Protein backbone atom coordinates (compact mmCIF):
# COMPACT_ATOMS: atom_id res chain seq x y z
CA MET A 1 41.97 61.54 18.44
CA THR A 2 45.11 60.34 19.16
CA HIS A 3 45.91 58.59 22.65
CA GLY A 4 47.85 60.20 25.30
CA VAL A 5 46.35 64.47 24.65
CA SER A 6 48.36 66.52 26.81
CA GLU A 7 46.91 69.92 26.27
CA ASP A 8 44.75 71.29 28.49
CA ILE A 9 41.39 71.07 28.49
CA GLY A 10 40.12 72.28 32.07
CA HIS A 11 38.59 70.91 34.81
CA THR A 12 35.65 67.92 33.92
CA VAL A 13 32.74 67.46 36.53
CA VAL A 14 31.41 64.20 36.80
CA ILE A 15 27.76 63.59 37.94
CA GLY A 16 27.36 60.52 39.57
CA GLY A 17 29.41 57.68 40.23
CA GLY A 18 27.77 54.84 38.93
CA PRO A 19 29.04 52.87 35.40
CA ALA A 20 27.84 56.09 33.07
CA GLY A 21 29.47 58.19 35.37
CA LEU A 22 32.90 56.22 36.24
CA SER A 23 33.27 55.97 32.50
CA SER A 24 33.57 58.59 31.43
CA ALA A 25 36.13 59.78 33.90
CA TYR A 26 38.20 56.62 33.07
CA GLU A 27 37.80 57.34 29.44
CA LEU A 28 39.11 61.13 29.93
CA LYS A 29 42.14 60.10 32.11
CA ARG A 30 43.10 57.24 29.45
CA LEU A 31 43.55 59.45 26.38
CA ALA A 32 44.02 63.08 28.38
CA PRO A 33 46.77 61.97 31.23
CA ASN A 34 46.79 65.04 32.42
CA ALA A 35 42.86 66.34 32.35
CA ARG A 36 41.67 67.59 35.61
CA VAL A 37 38.63 65.16 36.70
CA THR A 38 35.76 65.56 39.87
CA VAL A 39 33.22 63.01 40.22
CA PHE A 40 30.48 63.80 42.46
CA GLU A 41 28.93 60.52 44.16
CA ALA A 42 25.45 61.33 46.50
CA SER A 43 25.64 58.02 48.30
CA ASN A 44 28.03 56.28 50.09
CA HIS A 45 28.78 53.32 47.62
CA LEU A 46 30.16 53.10 43.67
CA GLY A 47 28.15 51.88 40.86
CA GLY A 48 24.50 52.85 41.55
CA ILE A 49 22.15 49.83 41.03
CA ALA A 50 25.29 48.23 39.76
CA ARG A 51 27.04 48.34 43.09
CA THR A 52 27.64 45.31 45.52
CA GLU A 53 26.16 45.43 49.10
CA ARG A 54 27.28 43.53 51.97
CA TYR A 55 25.80 42.19 55.29
CA LYS A 56 28.49 40.11 57.77
CA GLY A 57 30.62 39.07 54.68
CA PHE A 58 28.36 38.13 52.20
CA ARG A 59 27.38 40.07 49.02
CA PHE A 60 24.61 40.77 47.30
CA ASP A 61 24.03 41.86 43.19
CA ILE A 62 21.30 44.04 43.13
CA GLY A 63 19.39 42.85 40.17
CA GLY A 64 21.93 40.56 39.12
CA HIS A 65 24.38 42.23 36.17
CA ARG A 66 25.68 39.54 33.73
CA PHE A 67 28.79 41.32 31.82
CA PHE A 68 28.48 40.21 28.27
CA THR A 69 28.78 42.91 25.26
CA LYS A 70 29.76 42.98 21.62
CA VAL A 71 31.23 46.73 22.02
CA PRO A 72 34.29 46.33 21.94
CA GLU A 73 35.58 49.85 24.00
CA VAL A 74 33.75 48.06 27.17
CA GLU A 75 35.02 44.76 26.77
CA GLU A 76 38.86 46.04 27.29
CA MET A 77 37.75 48.33 29.80
CA TRP A 78 36.24 45.17 31.97
CA HIS A 79 38.81 43.37 31.38
CA GLY A 80 41.57 45.72 31.54
CA VAL A 81 40.10 47.08 35.25
CA LEU A 82 39.15 43.09 36.63
CA GLY A 83 41.86 41.20 35.20
CA LYS A 84 42.29 38.12 36.65
CA HIS A 85 38.78 38.56 39.05
CA PHE A 86 36.88 38.71 36.22
CA LEU A 87 35.15 35.11 36.19
CA ARG A 88 33.29 33.25 33.15
CA ARG A 89 30.58 32.03 34.71
CA PRO A 90 27.90 29.25 33.26
CA ARG A 91 24.13 30.54 33.19
CA ARG A 92 21.35 28.60 34.55
CA SER A 93 17.68 30.11 34.65
CA ARG A 94 14.15 29.27 35.11
CA ILE A 95 10.56 30.41 34.87
CA PHE A 96 8.35 29.44 37.77
CA TYR A 97 4.13 29.24 36.21
CA ARG A 98 1.34 27.30 36.73
CA ASN A 99 3.66 25.97 39.74
CA LYS A 100 6.15 24.43 37.21
CA TYR A 101 9.75 25.08 36.49
CA PHE A 102 10.43 25.89 33.02
CA ASP A 103 14.00 26.07 31.71
CA TYR A 104 14.83 29.27 30.44
CA PRO A 105 15.87 29.44 27.46
CA LEU A 106 12.97 27.56 26.01
CA LYS A 107 14.25 23.74 25.65
CA PRO A 108 11.45 22.15 23.84
CA PHE A 109 10.58 18.97 25.60
CA ASN A 110 11.05 20.13 28.95
CA ALA A 111 8.60 23.08 27.68
CA LEU A 112 6.12 20.59 25.89
CA SER A 113 6.11 18.00 28.95
CA LYS A 114 5.19 20.88 31.86
CA ILE A 115 2.65 22.94 29.56
CA GLY A 116 1.54 19.66 27.16
CA ILE A 117 0.62 19.01 23.82
CA TYR A 118 -2.99 20.63 23.51
CA GLU A 119 -1.57 23.93 24.87
CA THR A 120 1.32 24.03 22.11
CA ALA A 121 -0.70 23.03 19.62
CA ARG A 122 -2.48 26.41 20.82
CA ILE A 123 0.22 28.61 20.96
CA LEU A 124 1.61 27.46 17.51
CA LEU A 125 -1.80 27.98 15.97
CA SER A 126 -1.89 31.62 17.66
CA TYR A 127 1.27 32.30 16.19
CA ILE A 128 0.56 31.59 12.97
CA LYS A 129 -2.66 33.43 13.41
CA TRP A 130 -0.84 36.69 14.38
CA GLN A 131 1.82 36.42 11.47
CA VAL A 132 -0.78 36.04 8.92
CA ARG A 133 -2.75 38.88 10.20
CA PRO A 134 -1.05 41.31 12.36
CA LYS A 135 -1.54 44.09 14.53
CA ARG A 136 -1.98 47.18 12.12
CA HIS A 137 -0.19 49.14 14.70
CA GLU A 138 2.48 48.66 17.63
CA ASP A 139 2.09 51.34 19.94
CA THR A 140 3.15 49.21 23.19
CA PHE A 141 4.16 46.68 24.68
CA GLU A 142 1.31 44.15 24.58
CA GLU A 143 0.94 44.69 20.34
CA TRP A 144 4.55 44.43 19.80
CA VAL A 145 5.09 41.24 21.41
CA ILE A 146 1.98 39.62 20.21
CA ASN A 147 3.07 40.04 16.80
CA ARG A 148 6.24 38.36 17.34
CA PHE A 149 4.93 35.56 19.51
CA GLY A 150 1.09 35.49 19.30
CA GLY A 151 -1.69 35.87 21.62
CA ARG A 152 -1.70 32.55 23.45
CA LEU A 153 2.16 32.48 24.50
CA TYR A 154 1.81 36.47 25.76
CA MET A 155 -0.82 35.83 27.73
CA HIS A 156 1.21 32.62 29.55
CA PHE A 157 4.61 34.10 29.41
CA PHE A 158 4.40 37.96 28.91
CA ASP A 159 1.40 39.73 30.37
CA SER A 160 1.22 39.10 34.41
CA TYR A 161 5.12 39.38 34.75
CA THR A 162 5.31 42.06 32.63
CA GLU A 163 3.03 43.82 35.16
CA LYS A 164 4.01 42.49 38.56
CA VAL A 165 7.99 44.46 37.41
CA TRP A 166 6.41 47.32 36.48
CA GLY A 167 2.94 47.89 38.17
CA ILE A 168 0.99 49.23 35.20
CA SER A 169 -1.07 47.24 32.00
CA PRO A 170 1.51 46.23 29.11
CA LYS A 171 -1.01 48.48 27.30
CA LEU A 172 0.37 51.30 28.98
CA ILE A 173 4.08 50.20 28.24
CA GLN A 174 5.42 51.93 24.97
CA ALA A 175 6.86 49.67 22.24
CA ASP A 176 9.99 51.05 22.31
CA TRP A 177 10.82 49.30 25.46
CA ALA A 178 10.32 45.75 24.02
CA ALA A 179 11.98 46.98 21.07
CA GLN A 180 14.96 47.55 23.05
CA ARG A 181 14.96 45.34 25.13
CA ILE A 182 13.80 41.59 22.82
CA LYS A 183 14.40 43.24 19.74
CA SER A 184 14.63 41.24 16.51
CA LEU A 185 13.54 37.58 18.91
CA SER A 186 10.44 35.80 17.68
CA LEU A 187 9.10 32.86 18.53
CA SER A 188 10.40 30.99 15.25
CA LYS A 189 14.04 32.46 16.40
CA ALA A 190 13.41 31.38 19.81
CA VAL A 191 12.70 27.46 19.09
CA ILE A 192 15.45 27.40 16.58
CA ASN A 193 17.81 28.49 19.15
CA ALA A 194 16.51 25.83 21.30
CA PHE A 195 16.93 23.33 18.71
CA SER A 196 20.46 24.21 17.42
CA GLY A 197 21.93 25.30 20.70
CA ARG A 198 22.58 29.08 18.93
CA SER A 199 22.89 31.85 21.43
CA ASP A 200 22.60 35.17 19.66
CA THR A 201 19.77 36.81 21.12
CA THR A 202 19.60 38.82 24.53
CA SER A 203 18.32 36.00 26.83
CA LEU A 204 20.21 33.17 25.09
CA ILE A 205 23.77 33.30 26.15
CA GLU A 206 24.78 30.29 28.00
CA GLU A 207 27.66 31.77 29.98
CA PHE A 208 29.27 35.54 30.80
CA HIS A 209 31.60 37.04 32.68
CA TYR A 210 30.70 38.51 36.19
CA PRO A 211 33.80 40.11 38.93
CA SER A 212 34.76 37.69 41.45
CA LYS A 213 32.69 39.75 44.69
CA GLY A 214 30.05 41.26 42.38
CA PRO A 215 29.35 43.67 40.05
CA GLY A 216 30.06 47.06 42.75
CA MET A 217 34.20 45.12 42.78
CA MET A 218 34.41 46.77 38.99
CA TRP A 219 33.31 50.28 40.16
CA GLU A 220 35.39 50.36 43.08
CA MET A 221 38.94 49.31 41.28
CA THR A 222 37.94 52.18 38.45
CA ALA A 223 37.55 54.47 41.32
CA GLU A 224 40.93 53.93 42.65
CA LEU A 225 42.78 53.69 39.25
CA ILE A 226 41.57 56.86 38.17
CA GLU A 227 42.76 58.34 41.58
CA ARG A 228 45.91 56.60 41.06
CA LYS A 229 45.96 58.93 37.75
CA GLY A 230 45.11 62.29 39.74
CA ALA A 231 41.17 62.15 39.48
CA GLU A 232 39.35 63.05 42.35
CA VAL A 233 36.06 60.58 43.23
CA ARG A 234 34.12 62.33 46.09
CA MET A 235 31.35 60.12 48.01
CA ASN A 236 28.57 61.20 50.45
CA ALA A 237 28.47 64.45 48.28
CA PRO A 238 25.14 65.35 46.22
CA VAL A 239 24.76 67.83 43.72
CA ILE A 240 22.09 70.01 44.67
CA GLY A 241 22.55 72.89 42.13
CA ILE A 242 23.97 73.52 39.10
CA GLU A 243 24.93 77.25 37.85
CA ARG A 244 23.49 78.27 34.24
CA ASN A 245 24.72 81.25 32.25
CA ASP A 246 22.83 81.26 29.29
CA ASN A 247 23.44 78.45 27.53
CA ARG A 248 26.68 77.49 29.10
CA ILE A 249 27.25 75.42 32.70
CA GLU A 250 29.33 77.64 34.73
CA ALA A 251 29.46 75.39 38.07
CA VAL A 252 27.68 72.86 40.50
CA ILE A 253 26.79 72.99 43.77
CA VAL A 254 27.86 70.24 45.83
CA ASN A 255 26.15 69.28 49.38
CA THR A 256 29.11 68.09 51.70
CA PRO A 257 29.38 67.30 55.33
CA GLY A 258 30.72 70.63 56.15
CA GLY A 259 27.95 72.34 54.05
CA PRO A 260 27.24 73.39 50.50
CA ILE A 261 30.55 74.29 48.20
CA ARG A 262 30.56 75.89 44.77
CA VAL A 263 32.50 73.77 42.12
CA ALA A 264 33.28 75.40 39.24
CA GLY A 265 33.93 73.53 35.99
CA ASP A 266 34.67 74.13 31.75
CA HIS A 267 33.01 70.28 30.76
CA PHE A 268 30.11 68.49 32.92
CA ILE A 269 29.15 65.10 32.80
CA ASN A 270 25.77 64.18 34.57
CA SER A 271 24.46 60.71 35.18
CA MET A 272 21.71 61.91 37.96
CA ASP A 273 17.81 61.33 36.67
CA LEU A 274 16.71 63.86 34.09
CA ARG A 275 13.85 64.80 36.66
CA THR A 276 16.26 65.33 39.29
CA LEU A 277 18.35 67.34 37.29
CA ILE A 278 15.98 69.50 35.81
CA GLY A 279 15.34 70.64 39.39
CA CYS A 280 19.03 71.49 39.96
CA ILE A 281 19.69 74.24 37.15
CA SER A 282 19.27 77.93 38.17
CA PRO A 283 17.69 79.96 36.19
CA PRO A 284 15.20 77.21 35.58
CA PRO A 285 14.74 75.92 31.79
CA PRO A 286 11.45 76.94 30.43
CA GLN A 287 8.58 75.90 31.87
CA GLU A 288 7.59 73.24 29.15
CA VAL A 289 10.73 71.59 30.31
CA LEU A 290 10.13 71.72 34.03
CA ASP A 291 6.52 69.92 32.70
CA ALA A 292 8.18 67.55 31.00
CA ALA A 293 10.59 66.60 33.76
CA SER A 294 7.93 66.03 36.32
CA VAL A 295 6.18 63.54 34.91
CA LEU A 296 8.81 61.01 34.25
CA ARG A 297 8.39 58.09 36.62
CA PHE A 298 10.78 55.22 38.06
CA ARG A 299 10.14 51.74 39.34
CA ASP A 300 11.12 50.83 42.65
CA PHE A 301 12.92 48.06 44.24
CA ILE A 302 13.34 46.02 47.16
CA LEU A 303 16.08 43.04 47.66
CA VAL A 304 15.49 40.84 50.01
CA ALA A 305 18.78 38.75 51.01
CA LEU A 306 18.23 35.43 53.10
CA ILE A 307 20.99 33.51 54.67
CA LEU A 308 20.44 29.57 54.47
CA ASP A 309 22.16 27.25 56.56
CA LYS A 310 21.92 25.26 53.45
CA PRO A 311 24.84 25.80 50.76
CA ASP A 312 23.52 24.55 47.55
CA PRO A 313 19.39 25.00 47.17
CA PHE A 314 19.26 25.17 43.93
CA PRO A 315 20.98 25.67 40.86
CA ASP A 316 20.34 28.46 39.32
CA ASN A 317 21.85 31.78 38.54
CA TRP A 318 18.14 33.33 39.19
CA ILE A 319 14.09 32.08 38.09
CA TYR A 320 11.59 34.25 36.94
CA ILE A 321 8.50 33.83 39.09
CA HIS A 322 5.27 34.36 37.13
CA SER A 323 3.14 33.56 39.58
CA PRO A 324 0.43 35.58 40.86
CA ASP A 325 0.12 33.69 44.31
CA VAL A 326 3.79 35.58 45.49
CA ARG A 327 4.72 38.81 45.34
CA VAL A 328 8.32 37.98 45.22
CA GLY A 329 9.02 38.73 41.15
CA ARG A 330 12.86 37.38 40.57
CA ILE A 331 14.96 35.21 42.37
CA GLN A 332 18.93 35.24 42.89
CA ASN A 333 21.02 32.49 43.62
CA PHE A 334 24.18 34.36 44.51
CA ARG A 335 26.66 31.38 45.01
CA ALA A 336 26.04 30.54 41.62
CA TRP A 337 27.16 34.15 40.19
CA SER A 338 30.74 33.78 42.03
CA PRO A 339 31.09 31.35 44.88
CA GLU A 340 33.34 34.29 46.21
CA MET A 341 30.24 36.29 47.28
CA ILE A 342 29.84 33.79 49.75
CA PRO A 343 31.81 34.15 52.97
CA ASN A 344 32.09 29.87 54.24
CA ASP A 345 30.79 26.36 52.22
CA GLN A 346 28.38 25.92 54.88
CA GLN A 347 26.09 28.45 53.86
CA THR A 348 24.23 30.56 50.96
CA SER A 349 22.67 33.81 50.46
CA ILE A 350 19.28 34.24 48.25
CA GLY A 351 18.10 37.51 46.68
CA MET A 352 14.69 38.06 46.53
CA GLU A 353 13.30 40.77 44.28
CA TYR A 354 10.40 43.03 45.23
CA PHE A 355 9.49 45.46 42.20
CA CYS A 356 7.17 48.23 43.92
CA TRP A 357 6.13 51.69 43.80
CA THR A 358 8.25 53.99 47.01
CA ASP A 359 4.16 54.72 48.37
CA ASP A 360 3.34 50.84 48.48
CA ASP A 361 2.73 48.68 51.73
CA LEU A 362 5.89 47.04 50.93
CA TRP A 363 8.16 49.80 50.77
CA SER A 364 7.07 50.89 53.88
CA SER A 365 7.32 47.29 55.78
CA ALA A 366 9.48 46.75 58.27
CA ASP A 367 12.52 44.85 57.51
CA SER A 368 11.76 41.94 59.59
CA GLU A 369 8.27 41.57 57.99
CA LEU A 370 10.20 41.75 54.68
CA VAL A 371 12.50 38.73 55.54
CA ALA A 372 9.71 36.55 57.09
CA LEU A 373 7.20 37.41 54.21
CA ALA A 374 10.26 36.19 51.86
CA ALA A 375 11.29 33.42 53.36
CA ARG A 376 7.55 31.92 53.61
CA GLU A 377 7.73 32.47 49.78
CA LEU A 378 10.59 30.82 49.14
CA GLU A 379 9.00 28.03 50.89
CA GLN A 380 5.80 28.19 49.09
CA LEU A 381 8.23 28.09 45.73
CA GLY A 382 9.31 24.72 46.75
CA LEU A 383 13.09 25.94 46.68
CA ALA A 384 14.44 25.65 50.39
CA ARG A 385 12.66 25.59 53.53
CA ARG A 386 11.65 28.23 55.80
CA GLU A 387 13.77 27.15 59.05
CA ASP A 388 16.89 27.19 56.40
CA VAL A 389 16.55 30.84 57.04
CA VAL A 390 18.60 31.91 59.73
CA ASP A 391 19.27 35.54 58.84
CA GLY A 392 18.30 38.15 56.55
CA THR A 393 18.75 42.12 55.54
CA VAL A 394 16.96 44.59 53.02
CA VAL A 395 18.22 46.85 50.38
CA ARG A 396 15.39 49.72 49.19
CA GLN A 397 16.35 50.87 45.63
CA PRO A 398 14.38 53.65 44.14
CA LYS A 399 14.15 55.03 40.53
CA ALA A 400 15.91 51.81 39.68
CA TYR A 401 13.85 51.05 36.25
CA PRO A 402 12.54 54.31 34.02
CA VAL A 403 9.28 53.25 32.93
CA TYR A 404 7.85 53.90 29.66
CA ASP A 405 4.84 54.44 30.04
CA THR A 406 2.44 57.07 27.44
CA GLU A 407 3.97 60.03 28.66
CA TYR A 408 7.52 59.56 28.81
CA ARG A 409 8.56 59.48 25.05
CA ALA A 410 7.29 63.22 24.44
CA ALA A 411 8.77 64.22 28.15
CA VAL A 412 12.75 62.90 27.02
CA ASP A 413 12.19 64.30 23.75
CA THR A 414 11.29 67.95 25.30
CA ILE A 415 14.33 67.51 27.70
CA PHE A 416 16.56 66.37 25.02
CA ALA A 417 15.84 69.21 22.78
CA TRP A 418 16.65 71.69 25.52
CA LEU A 419 19.87 70.21 26.92
CA LYS A 420 20.87 69.71 23.53
CA LYS A 421 21.54 73.25 23.33
CA LEU A 422 24.04 73.61 26.31
CA GLU A 423 27.43 73.83 25.14
CA ASN A 424 29.39 72.42 27.74
CA PHE A 425 27.09 70.01 29.01
CA GLN A 426 26.39 66.03 28.50
CA SER A 427 23.76 63.83 30.29
CA ILE A 428 24.49 59.99 30.21
CA GLY A 429 23.28 56.44 31.30
CA ARG A 430 20.49 54.84 32.00
CA ASN A 431 18.81 57.83 34.57
CA GLY A 432 20.78 60.60 32.91
CA GLN A 433 18.61 59.76 29.66
CA HIS A 434 15.66 57.71 30.98
CA ARG A 435 16.41 54.86 28.69
CA TYR A 436 16.59 51.40 30.09
CA ASN A 437 20.39 50.77 28.98
CA ASN A 438 22.08 47.51 29.90
CA GLN A 439 25.17 48.31 32.10
CA ASP A 440 27.54 48.12 29.03
CA HIS A 441 25.90 50.58 26.84
CA SER A 442 25.76 53.16 30.00
CA MET A 443 29.75 52.71 30.28
CA LEU A 444 29.62 53.38 26.22
CA THR A 445 27.58 56.62 26.52
CA GLY A 446 30.05 57.99 28.95
CA MET A 447 33.34 57.24 26.99
CA LEU A 448 31.82 58.74 24.14
CA ALA A 449 31.06 62.06 26.61
CA ALA A 450 34.45 62.18 27.47
CA ARG A 451 35.61 61.79 23.33
CA ASN A 452 33.79 65.17 22.46
CA ILE A 453 35.22 67.10 25.33
CA LEU A 454 38.71 66.12 23.46
CA GLY A 455 37.15 66.90 20.27
CA GLU A 456 35.11 64.41 18.45
CA ARG A 457 31.18 64.51 17.69
CA HIS A 458 29.37 62.29 19.20
CA ASP A 459 25.55 61.93 19.78
CA VAL A 460 25.48 59.93 23.36
CA TRP A 461 21.69 59.71 22.92
CA ASN A 462 21.89 57.50 19.41
CA VAL A 463 23.74 54.71 21.88
CA ASN A 464 21.44 51.79 22.10
CA VAL A 465 18.49 53.43 19.60
CA ASP A 466 19.53 52.82 16.03
CA ARG A 467 21.69 49.79 16.06
CA ALA A 468 20.78 46.06 17.17
CA TYR A 469 20.43 45.32 20.53
CA HIS A 470 23.78 44.43 21.26
CA GLU A 471 23.42 40.30 22.57
CA GLN A 472 21.84 39.86 19.36
CA PHE A 473 23.74 42.09 16.83
CA GLU A 474 25.30 40.04 13.80
CA ARG A 475 27.46 42.11 11.24
CA PRO A 476 27.13 40.79 7.99
CA ARG A 477 30.68 38.44 6.87
CA ASP A 478 31.32 40.94 3.84
CA ASP A 479 30.70 44.60 5.89
CA ARG A 480 33.82 44.17 8.26
CA PRO A 481 34.53 47.88 9.88
CA LYS A 482 37.67 49.61 9.67
CA ASN A 483 38.21 51.23 13.23
CA SER A 484 37.27 50.55 16.53
CA MET A 485 34.32 53.27 15.93
CA GLU A 486 32.68 51.56 13.13
CA ARG A 487 32.76 48.70 15.45
CA THR A 488 30.33 50.12 17.91
CA GLU A 489 28.28 51.02 14.98
CA LEU A 490 27.63 54.62 16.18
CA ARG A 491 26.11 57.84 14.26
CA LYS A 492 28.51 60.94 14.57
CA GLU A 493 27.03 64.34 14.56
CA PRO A 494 27.94 66.31 11.27
CA ALA A 495 31.17 68.36 11.75
């Protein structure tokens, strides 16, 4: 497909203004400047979970979004949109465990001094044991991790934290979540990286790019750019219905301030969650598809942003909290991400992240109670005094992370098999595929969906499945790709 396509491809409707949806609109307008594109975003902000929240001049990142990729198309888009606003930032993170702070990535002498020679020896013996006699099946997260790290290290650094994040036992989380997020990393590789200084794995990069005013800046600027090129981006416009005629989608029903409207289209790209999507389609899919959508679950998330009268309470970008004595799971230091997230030099903001369900007590707690809890736990962890906290705000994020429980895989397969029959409809991104993609892979699904509309044939559901995880991928030197699509190592459907 050549750039600058001029033929009329009709009207493309994009559901969702997050990284996947906006990347698809960007790619369409880049390759086909005359294409008619409309993006409908349900909320009053762009970027989905990769947005930037604001409060009294302070900016907050919902979850911490490093901009790091080995997908050239994504890298080019980031730099092309952000330009001078795309900063290179140093990375520092730690783990709080057993009332001690461990450097992360692993630094052997730091870890040895904290955990002790005796326990280190037990970790190594456990690792050798599971290398010699690994678990025969790797169906669960627990089995997958133990086979690569040993039971002792799993007990220390994976078990309790994973359950805190997901709210279910690691025995009930499927192994493909681990395979996607930490693929090809093992204890031996982690130790080699620590001594050699290499940073070729997901968690081990030493620096990353970041928009100067947070991740939402990328998506706000993308929307402005595509609108200047003729696309339409409509906020506060949730899609509440999708009209189907056999195997074609004909229109969406959008809820606007003036009431519901019908918007016809020729092509449709979706990034809303699969459970909501299936419930919107009329006439509805077969009962087995409806049943599959009903079992999909999402982990919810609360950010308590604390304003401190202290500019630099600690140097980390973020800290993982493994301690069961506090409910916070991860802590962000927004000045360490970018100084422009903070409106002055005398204060800072700290993001206290709580993983929960929408029916938990945390979710229903008053904002004042959550701010008080976060301030108390920040002091309990020895990171700042409670009296340093002068203000705070709360951001609740439903459906933050798709859950990889025992039912999800069969459910997604059932939904995918039916959606694939639709001739002019593609579902993309983290929620649109119920897949824990990073931002760049969500973007790539959007870009490929746009190219499919222009005549290419890519299976967007294979992104981040049959290839190495993007921060770990190492291509043999004697097998250099010949073009950009080969560089992304994506499988095309047969023509």
